[in-house]
Protein backbone atom coordinates (compact mmCIF):
# COMPACT_ATOMS: atom_id res chain seq x y z
CA UNK A 1 0.00 0.00 0.00
CA UNK A 2 1.46 3.35 -1.13
CA UNK A 3 1.75 6.03 1.53
CA UNK A 4 0.30 9.36 0.50
CA UNK A 5 2.93 12.13 -0.02
CA UNK A 6 2.90 14.92 2.46
CA UNK A 7 1.93 18.31 1.08
CA UNK A 8 2.22 21.93 2.16
CA UNK A 9 0.29 24.78 0.56
CA UNK A 10 -0.92 22.25 -1.98
CA UNK A 11 2.63 21.39 -2.94
CA UNK A 12 4.33 18.01 -2.40
CA UNK A 13 7.04 17.81 0.27
CA UNK A 14 10.22 15.83 -0.54
CA UNK A 15 12.84 14.49 1.84
CA UNK A 16 16.46 15.61 1.47
CA UNK A 17 17.47 12.06 0.53
CA UNK A 18 14.92 12.07 -2.26
CA UNK A 19 16.38 15.30 -3.66
CA UNK A 20 20.01 14.11 -3.40
CA UNK A 21 19.04 10.76 -4.82
CA UNK A 22 17.39 12.46 -7.78
CA UNK A 23 20.44 14.65 -8.37
CA UNK A 24 22.70 11.60 -8.22
CA UNK A 25 20.49 9.78 -10.73
CA UNK A 26 20.62 12.74 -13.13
CA UNK A 27 24.39 13.07 -12.77
CA UNK A 28 24.93 9.35 -13.34
CA UNK A 29 22.76 9.35 -16.46
CA UNK A 30 24.22 12.58 -17.88
CA UNK A 31 27.95 12.18 -17.19
CA UNK A 32 28.64 8.58 -18.08
CA UNK A 33 32.38 8.75 -18.80
CA UNK A 34 35.58 10.56 -17.76
CA UNK A 35 36.19 14.09 -19.09
CA UNK A 36 39.30 16.23 -19.55
CA UNK A 37 38.97 19.32 -17.36
CA UNK A 38 41.37 22.27 -17.13
CA UNK A 39 41.45 24.35 -13.96
CA UNK A 40 43.73 26.04 -11.45
CA UNK A 41 44.47 23.95 -8.37
CA UNK A 42 44.81 26.54 -5.62
CA UNK A 43 45.20 23.96 -2.82
CA UNK A 44 46.14 20.28 -3.01
CA UNK A 45 44.87 19.42 0.51
CA UNK A 46 46.76 16.16 0.95
CA UNK A 47 45.96 14.18 4.07
CA UNK A 48 49.20 12.56 5.36
CA UNK A 49 47.43 9.80 7.28
CA UNK A 50 45.37 8.44 4.39
CA UNK A 51 47.41 9.71 1.47
CA UNK A 52 44.24 10.97 -0.26
CA UNK A 53 44.03 14.49 -1.71
CA UNK A 54 41.02 16.80 -1.84
CA UNK A 55 42.06 19.61 -4.22
CA UNK A 56 40.23 22.91 -4.50
CA UNK A 57 39.78 23.74 -8.19
CA UNK A 58 38.89 27.19 -9.52
CA UNK A 59 38.52 29.07 -12.77
CA UNK A 60 39.42 32.75 -12.82
CA UNK A 61 38.80 35.77 -14.97
CA UNK A 62 41.71 37.98 -14.07
CA UNK A 63 41.93 37.83 -10.27
CA UNK A 64 38.23 37.00 -9.83
CA UNK A 65 37.10 33.41 -9.17
CA UNK A 66 34.13 32.64 -11.41
CA UNK A 67 33.83 28.89 -10.71
CA UNK A 68 34.93 26.69 -7.82
CA UNK A 69 34.60 22.94 -7.31
CA UNK A 70 35.84 20.24 -4.97
CA UNK A 71 37.89 17.32 -6.29
CA UNK A 72 39.11 13.97 -4.98
CA UNK A 73 42.29 12.03 -5.78
CA UNK A 74 42.59 8.65 -4.10
CA UNK A 75 46.00 7.61 -2.79
CA UNK A 76 46.70 5.14 -5.62
CA UNK A 77 46.11 7.85 -8.21
CA UNK A 78 48.14 10.36 -6.15
CA UNK A 79 51.16 8.06 -6.15
CA UNK A 80 50.92 7.38 -9.90
CA UNK A 81 50.43 11.05 -10.80
CA UNK A 82 53.32 12.18 -8.59
CA UNK A 83 55.64 9.62 -10.17
CA UNK A 84 54.76 10.93 -13.64
CA UNK A 85 55.17 14.55 -12.48
CA UNK A 86 58.62 13.83 -11.05
CA UNK A 87 59.80 12.32 -14.32
CA UNK A 88 58.63 15.26 -16.43
CA UNK A 89 58.79 18.31 -14.14
CA UNK A 90 61.21 17.18 -11.45
CA UNK A 91 58.66 17.74 -8.67
CA UNK A 92 55.38 16.45 -7.26
CA UNK A 93 51.94 18.04 -7.29
CA UNK A 94 51.75 21.33 -5.42
CA UNK A 95 49.46 24.28 -4.74
CA UNK A 96 48.79 27.05 -7.25
CA UNK A 97 49.41 25.32 -10.58
CA UNK A 98 47.25 24.99 -13.67
CA UNK A 99 46.28 21.40 -14.48
CA UNK A 100 44.58 19.37 -17.20
CA UNK A 101 42.98 16.38 -15.48
CA UNK A 102 40.97 13.35 -16.54
CA UNK A 103 38.08 13.06 -14.11
CA UNK A 104 34.63 11.60 -13.61
CA UNK A 105 31.77 13.75 -12.33
CA UNK A 106 30.05 12.17 -9.37
CA UNK A 107 27.54 13.21 -6.75
CA UNK A 108 27.47 11.81 -3.22
CA UNK A 109 24.44 12.43 -0.97
CA UNK A 110 26.86 12.68 1.97
CA UNK A 111 29.65 14.81 0.39
CA UNK A 112 28.04 16.54 -2.57
CA UNK A 113 29.29 17.11 -6.12
CA UNK A 114 32.95 16.51 -6.91
CA UNK A 115 35.44 15.68 -9.66
CA UNK A 116 37.12 12.34 -9.08
CA UNK A 117 40.52 12.82 -10.71
CA UNK A 118 42.04 9.75 -12.35
CA UNK A 119 45.04 11.36 -14.07
CA UNK A 120 46.78 14.76 -14.53
CA UNK A 121 48.83 15.69 -17.61
CA UNK A 122 52.14 17.29 -16.46
CA UNK A 123 53.00 18.63 -19.93
CA UNK A 124 49.95 20.92 -19.74
CA UNK A 125 51.21 22.33 -16.44
CA UNK A 126 54.59 23.01 -18.00
CA UNK A 127 52.85 24.66 -20.96
CA UNK A 128 50.93 26.99 -18.68
CA UNK A 129 54.14 27.89 -16.89
CA UNK A 130 55.79 28.68 -20.23
CA UNK A 131 52.86 30.85 -21.37
CA UNK A 132 53.07 32.81 -18.11
CA UNK A 133 56.83 33.13 -18.51
CA UNK A 134 56.57 34.53 -22.04
CA UNK A 135 53.89 36.99 -20.94
CA UNK A 136 56.11 38.29 -18.12
CA UNK A 137 59.07 38.68 -20.52
CA UNK A 138 56.93 40.61 -23.00
CA UNK A 139 55.62 42.90 -20.24
CA UNK A 140 59.08 43.71 -18.90
CA UNK A 141 60.36 44.47 -22.39
CA UNK A 142 57.35 46.68 -23.10
CA UNK A 143 58.07 48.61 -19.89
CA UNK A 144 61.70 49.05 -21.00
CA UNK A 145 63.24 47.48 -17.88
CA UNK A 146 64.25 44.04 -19.20
CA UNK A 147 67.91 45.09 -19.68
CA UNK A 148 68.02 47.68 -16.86
CA UNK A 149 70.08 45.63 -14.37
CA UNK A 150 72.47 44.45 -17.09
CA UNK A 151 73.23 48.10 -17.95
CA UNK A 152 74.64 48.78 -14.45
CA UNK A 153 78.41 48.99 -13.89
CA UNK A 154 79.86 46.23 -11.73
CA UNK A 155 82.63 47.67 -9.48
CA UNK A 156 86.18 46.88 -10.53
CA UNK A 157 86.61 44.77 -7.39
CA UNK A 158 83.18 43.49 -6.21
CA UNK A 159 84.28 42.78 -2.65
CA UNK A 160 81.18 43.60 -0.56
CA UNK A 161 78.46 41.08 -1.40
CA UNK A 162 74.86 40.81 -0.18
CA UNK A 163 73.85 37.13 -0.35
CA UNK A 164 70.21 36.02 -0.54
CA UNK A 165 70.08 32.31 0.28
CA UNK A 166 69.31 29.71 2.93
CA UNK A 167 72.09 29.45 5.51
CA UNK A 168 71.79 25.66 5.74
CA UNK A 169 71.67 25.00 1.98
CA UNK A 170 74.49 23.21 0.19
CA UNK A 171 74.47 25.88 -2.52
CA UNK A 172 75.27 28.61 0.02
CA UNK A 173 77.97 26.43 1.60
CA UNK A 174 79.59 25.75 -1.79
CA UNK A 175 79.52 29.47 -2.61
CA UNK A 176 81.19 30.54 0.65
CA UNK A 177 83.84 27.79 0.56
CA UNK A 178 84.78 28.67 -3.03
CA UNK A 179 85.17 32.37 -2.16
CA UNK A 180 87.00 31.90 1.14
CA UNK A 181 89.41 29.19 -0.04
CA UNK A 182 90.45 30.74 -3.35
CA UNK A 183 94.11 30.09 -4.19
CA UNK A 184 94.96 33.79 -4.56
CA UNK A 185 93.79 34.90 -1.08
CA UNK A 186 91.33 37.43 -2.49
CA UNK A 187 89.22 38.80 0.38
CA UNK A 188 85.43 39.06 0.13
CA UNK A 189 82.97 40.53 2.64
CA UNK A 190 79.68 38.60 2.49
CA UNK A 191 76.49 39.30 4.46
CA UNK A 192 73.67 36.74 4.37
CA UNK A 193 70.04 37.80 4.00
CA UNK A 194 68.09 34.56 4.71
CA UNK A 195 65.15 33.81 2.47
CA UNK A 196 62.88 31.00 1.33
CA UNK A 197 64.03 30.03 -2.15
CA UNK A 198 61.25 27.75 -3.41
CA UNK A 199 57.48 27.99 -3.77
CA UNK A 200 55.18 30.99 -3.62
CA UNK A 201 56.65 32.23 -0.32
CA UNK A 202 60.01 32.65 -2.07
CA UNK A 203 58.56 35.56 -4.05
CA UNK A 204 57.61 37.63 -1.00
CA UNK A 205 60.69 36.77 1.11
CA UNK A 206 63.22 37.41 -1.67
CA UNK A 207 61.47 40.68 -2.56
CA UNK A 208 61.47 41.74 1.10
CA UNK A 209 65.21 41.05 1.44
CA UNK A 210 65.92 43.01 -1.75
CA UNK A 211 64.08 45.98 -0.23
CA UNK A 212 66.24 45.70 2.93
CA UNK A 213 69.41 45.61 0.83
CA UNK A 214 68.25 48.58 -1.26
CA UNK A 215 68.07 50.71 1.88
CA UNK A 216 71.74 49.84 2.55
CA UNK A 217 72.94 49.82 -1.04
CA UNK A 218 75.97 51.99 -0.16
CA UNK A 219 77.28 49.04 1.92
CA UNK A 220 77.42 46.60 -1.00
CA UNK A 221 78.91 46.25 -4.47
CA UNK A 222 76.46 43.63 -5.74
CA UNK A 223 73.76 41.12 -4.77
CA UNK A 224 73.80 37.35 -5.37
CA UNK A 225 70.74 35.07 -5.24
CA UNK A 226 71.82 31.44 -4.92
CA UNK A 227 70.08 28.08 -4.47
CA UNK A 228 70.47 24.49 -5.60
CA UNK A 229 68.89 23.15 -8.78
CA UNK A 230 65.29 22.06 -9.16
CA UNK A 231 62.61 21.16 -11.68
CA UNK A 232 60.81 23.75 -13.81
CA UNK A 233 57.82 23.76 -11.46
CA UNK A 234 60.10 24.39 -8.49
CA UNK A 235 61.56 27.39 -10.30
CA UNK A 236 58.24 28.84 -11.42
CA UNK A 237 58.34 31.44 -8.62
CA UNK A 238 61.34 33.03 -10.40
CA UNK A 239 59.08 33.69 -13.41
CA UNK A 240 56.82 35.87 -11.25
CA UNK A 241 56.44 39.38 -12.68
CA UNK A 242 56.82 41.15 -9.33
CA UNK A 243 60.07 39.39 -8.43
CA UNK A 244 61.53 39.70 -11.93
CA UNK A 245 60.63 43.42 -12.06
CA UNK A 246 62.28 43.99 -8.67
CA UNK A 247 65.51 42.36 -9.85
CA UNK A 248 65.45 44.13 -13.24
CA UNK A 249 65.11 47.58 -11.63
CA UNK A 250 67.36 46.94 -8.61
CA UNK A 251 70.01 49.69 -8.09
CA UNK A 252 72.87 47.20 -7.62
CA UNK A 253 74.03 44.48 -10.05
CA UNK A 254 72.24 41.20 -9.25
CA UNK A 255 74.00 37.91 -10.01
CA UNK A 256 71.77 34.83 -10.02
CA UNK A 257 72.69 31.21 -9.44
CA UNK A 258 69.31 29.60 -8.87
CA UNK A 259 69.10 26.63 -11.25
CA UNK A 260 70.69 24.38 -13.81
CA UNK A 261 71.56 25.24 -17.41
CA UNK A 262 68.15 24.08 -18.70
CA UNK A 263 66.17 26.12 -16.16
CA UNK A 264 66.67 29.77 -17.15
CA UNK A 265 63.96 31.75 -15.39
CA UNK A 266 62.86 35.31 -16.09
CA UNK A 267 64.75 36.40 -12.96
CA UNK A 268 67.90 34.85 -14.48
CA UNK A 269 67.26 36.66 -17.76
CA UNK A 270 66.95 40.14 -16.21
CA UNK A 271 69.86 39.73 -13.77
CA UNK A 272 73.17 41.48 -14.41
CA UNK A 273 74.73 38.02 -14.78
CA UNK A 274 73.28 34.51 -14.65
CA UNK A 275 75.43 31.56 -13.61
CA UNK A 276 74.44 27.90 -13.55
CA UNK A 277 75.32 27.13 -9.92
CA UNK A 278 76.33 28.98 -6.74
CA UNK A 279 79.90 27.77 -7.30
CA UNK A 280 79.91 29.36 -10.76
CA UNK A 281 78.75 32.63 -9.17
CA UNK A 282 81.75 32.48 -6.82
CA UNK A 283 84.11 31.80 -9.75
CA UNK A 284 82.61 34.79 -11.60
CA UNK A 285 83.41 37.11 -8.67
CA UNK A 286 86.93 35.70 -8.33
CA UNK A 287 87.44 36.30 -12.05
CA UNK A 288 86.74 40.01 -11.56
CA UNK A 289 89.74 40.14 -9.20
CA UNK A 290 91.78 38.23 -11.80
CA UNK A 291 90.87 40.80 -14.42
CA UNK A 292 92.07 43.62 -12.16
CA UNK A 293 95.30 41.74 -11.38
CA UNK A 294 95.94 41.42 -15.12
CA UNK A 295 95.51 45.18 -15.51
CA UNK A 296 97.99 45.79 -12.68
CA UNK A 297 100.50 43.40 -14.25
CA UNK A 298 100.10 45.09 -17.62
CA UNK A 299 100.64 48.51 -16.02
CA UNK A 300 103.72 47.19 -14.23
CA UNK A 301 105.10 45.76 -17.47
CA UNK A 302 104.38 49.04 -19.22
CA UNK A 303 106.26 50.98 -16.50
CA UNK A 304 109.23 48.62 -16.70
CA UNK A 305 109.34 48.95 -20.47
CA UNK A 306 109.18 52.74 -20.15
CA UNK A 307 112.04 52.85 -17.65
CA UNK A 308 114.10 50.50 -19.79
CA UNK A 309 113.40 52.74 -22.77
CA UNK A 310 114.58 55.80 -20.81
CA UNK A 311 117.81 54.00 -19.90
CA UNK A 312 118.40 53.03 -23.52
CA UNK A 313 117.78 56.59 -24.70
CA UNK A 314 120.06 58.12 -22.08
CA UNK A 315 122.83 55.59 -22.77
CA UNK A 316 122.51 56.34 -26.46
CA UNK A 317 122.78 60.06 -25.77
CA UNK A 318 125.92 59.52 -23.67
CA UNK A 319 127.46 57.36 -26.38
CA UNK A 320 126.71 60.06 -28.96
CA UNK A 321 128.25 62.77 -26.76
CA UNK A 322 131.28 60.61 -26.06
CA UNK A 323 131.68 59.87 -29.75
CA UNK A 324 131.33 63.55 -30.64
CA UNK A 325 133.93 64.65 -28.10
CA UNK A 326 136.35 61.98 -29.26
CA UNK A 327 135.98 63.17 -32.84
CA UNK A 328 136.50 66.78 -31.79
CA UNK A 329 139.52 65.84 -29.69
CA UNK A 330 141.03 63.79 -32.51
CA UNK A 331 140.55 66.59 -35.02
CA UNK A 332 141.97 69.15 -32.60
CA UNK A 333 144.94 66.90 -31.83
CA UNK A 334 145.61 66.34 -35.52
CA UNK A 335 145.34 70.05 -36.17
CA UNK A 336 147.71 70.88 -33.33
CA UNK A 337 150.18 68.23 -34.46
CA UNK A 338 150.07 69.67 -37.95
CA UNK A 339 150.64 73.17 -36.55
CA UNK A 340 153.51 71.87 -34.48
CA UNK A 341 155.06 70.24 -37.51
CA UNK A 342 154.71 73.51 -39.40
CA UNK A 343 156.25 75.41 -36.53
CA UNK A 344 158.99 72.81 -36.24
CA UNK A 345 159.59 72.95 -39.97
CA UNK A 346 159.43 76.73 -40.20
CA UNK A 347 161.38 77.48 -37.13
CA UNK A 348 164.09 74.90 -37.00
CA UNK A 349 166.39 77.60 -35.87
CA UNK A 350 164.32 78.29 -32.79
CA UNK A 351 165.79 77.17 -29.56
CA UNK A 352 165.12 73.78 -28.10
CA UNK A 353 163.52 75.53 -25.14
CA UNK A 354 160.80 77.14 -27.25
CA UNK A 355 160.10 73.85 -28.98
CA UNK A 356 159.81 72.08 -25.63
CA UNK A 357 157.31 74.70 -24.39
CA UNK A 358 155.14 74.15 -27.43
CA UNK A 359 155.19 70.38 -26.91
CA UNK A 360 154.31 70.81 -23.25
CA UNK A 361 151.44 73.12 -24.18
CA UNK A 362 150.13 70.55 -26.61
CA UNK A 363 150.37 67.76 -24.06
CA UNK A 364 148.62 69.88 -21.41
CA UNK A 365 145.87 70.68 -23.88
CA UNK A 366 145.40 66.99 -24.63
CA UNK A 367 145.20 66.16 -20.94
CA UNK A 368 142.66 68.93 -20.36
CA UNK A 369 140.55 67.67 -23.25
CA UNK A 370 140.62 64.12 -21.89
CA UNK A 371 139.79 65.35 -18.39
CA UNK A 372 136.84 67.36 -19.73
CA UNK A 373 135.52 64.31 -21.58
CA UNK A 374 135.82 62.11 -18.48
CA UNK A 375 134.09 64.71 -16.28
CA UNK A 376 131.25 65.05 -18.78
CA UNK A 377 130.76 61.26 -18.81
CA UNK A 378 130.71 61.20 -14.97
CA UNK A 379 128.10 64.02 -14.89
CA UNK A 380 125.84 62.23 -17.36
CA UNK A 381 126.11 58.96 -15.44
CA UNK A 382 125.11 60.77 -12.23
CA UNK A 383 122.13 62.33 -14.02
CA UNK A 384 121.10 58.87 -15.22
CA UNK A 385 121.43 57.42 -11.68
CA UNK A 386 119.37 60.32 -10.31
CA UNK A 387 116.65 59.69 -12.90
CA UNK A 388 116.57 55.99 -11.98
CA UNK A 389 116.26 56.83 -8.26
CA UNK A 390 113.42 59.27 -8.91
CA UNK A 391 111.52 56.63 -10.89
CA UNK A 392 111.96 54.14 -8.02
CA UNK A 393 110.77 56.72 -5.46
CA UNK A 394 107.63 57.36 -7.50
CA UNK A 395 106.56 53.70 -7.21
CA UNK A 396 103.33 53.44 -5.05
CA UNK A 397 104.94 50.98 -2.64
CA UNK A 398 107.78 53.43 -1.93
CA UNK A 399 105.27 56.22 -1.32
CA UNK A 400 103.41 54.05 1.23
CA UNK A 401 106.71 52.92 2.75
CA UNK A 402 107.68 56.56 3.51
CA UNK A 403 104.67 56.85 5.80
CA UNK A 404 102.04 58.03 3.39
CA UNK A 405 98.69 56.24 3.22
CA UNK A 406 95.58 56.01 1.05
CA UNK A 407 92.19 56.61 2.68
CA UNK A 408 89.12 55.14 0.95
CA UNK A 409 85.43 55.82 1.52
CA UNK A 410 83.06 53.21 0.07
CA UNK A 411 85.95 51.74 -1.93
CA UNK A 412 87.00 55.10 -3.49
CA UNK A 413 90.05 57.23 -2.68
CA UNK A 414 89.12 60.12 -0.34
CA UNK A 415 90.42 63.52 -1.54
CA UNK A 416 87.95 65.91 0.08
CA UNK A 417 87.24 65.85 3.83
CA UNK A 418 83.93 67.67 3.34
CA UNK A 419 82.28 64.56 1.88
CA UNK A 420 82.85 62.54 5.07
CA UNK A 421 79.85 62.24 7.40
CA UNK A 422 79.36 60.87 10.91
CA UNK A 423 78.94 57.12 10.85
CA UNK A 424 81.00 56.64 7.68
CA UNK A 425 83.58 53.87 7.74
CA UNK A 426 87.01 54.76 6.34
CA UNK A 427 89.63 52.29 5.16
CA UNK A 428 93.26 53.48 5.49
CA UNK A 429 95.75 51.51 3.36
CA UNK A 430 99.33 51.45 4.74
CA UNK A 431 102.52 49.86 3.47
CA UNK A 432 101.74 46.88 5.71
CA UNK A 433 98.00 46.19 6.01
CA UNK A 434 95.00 48.45 6.34
CA UNK A 435 93.03 50.14 9.15
CA UNK A 436 89.26 50.60 9.32
CA UNK A 437 87.89 53.58 11.28
CA UNK A 438 84.44 55.06 11.87
CA UNK A 439 83.75 58.80 11.86
CA UNK A 440 82.00 59.95 15.08
């Protein structure tokens, strides 16, 4: 016997289970197979105890969410999907990525409507990341800031370095060891600004540390951002427009070492220099000191060649003078001998005494000529020795050795006391070592 349906205001009354059962029946009849669905997974919601995931899927128009739906991934599917993701992207599923999933549409009277995800295509996620990356690059180029950081001038000796990294990371350790244990004893002053280097939080923490460094930019020559390698998904935060724009417009040269050779992010592209690993960043900085050392060696060689050239010129001048005086003396001696022969021939009747006087006069003249030549050679040699001593005294090491010093402010030689302010740190370079002092 059929029970009469309850009514209210002449309308039938249905139980909640009847409504949910009807909805389930319609869903089951309408959606009879699995469908490919694209959406943004804003939260994965993985339960560690069971291994199941309950993602929150949305569709946006700009920053506005226009559709939202719950999803379910059972543990067996989670394990299979993560294994595929690791092979292709280098990482597992995570929050805030675009996905293309194969899912059935099911309705549960207890839990409501949901997508039951059977598979996720990692290549689609990578494609979305690439589309976002290209859009960010185009925007920065349109704004005219894409090459801004590269156009900055790196100091001749980038000694004072602001490091953005994780203190406990291997990349930071490799960077510091390479700098501190270089074979040439180059000295670097590094200050660590700790930051998260992976995931969405990396964007805000790296940006915040860059803002701190910008307020102290006079204390540093450059900034380095270093981390170990990772998959393309793990590096997606470095394609963020805000972070890339901050690096591109930063007032100091930024050197990045945040990934492997196949993972060039937008942040890498806009940096002053991009190196594959933290160790390569350290080698790059060491090379700047090498380049300066080469310039010093070339200047030294040039000075030596100049001094040697001066010696050659002065010796040549002395040889010419000596040769000239010898010619003059020879001609004069020949002339005097000829005159003496004429006198001797013309005045044979003159007394032996007169002839002896003439011979003595000639001999004295010859001696005087020889003495004059020798004195001139001695004078020129002394002038040459004096020139050599002056050149030696002009060498920078000799200047420092005599008690002089060089005072630098922010790495530049200080020539005007009026530019010094209270709180400034001065570096005084002596013949042996250097002294740091602070202006009160």
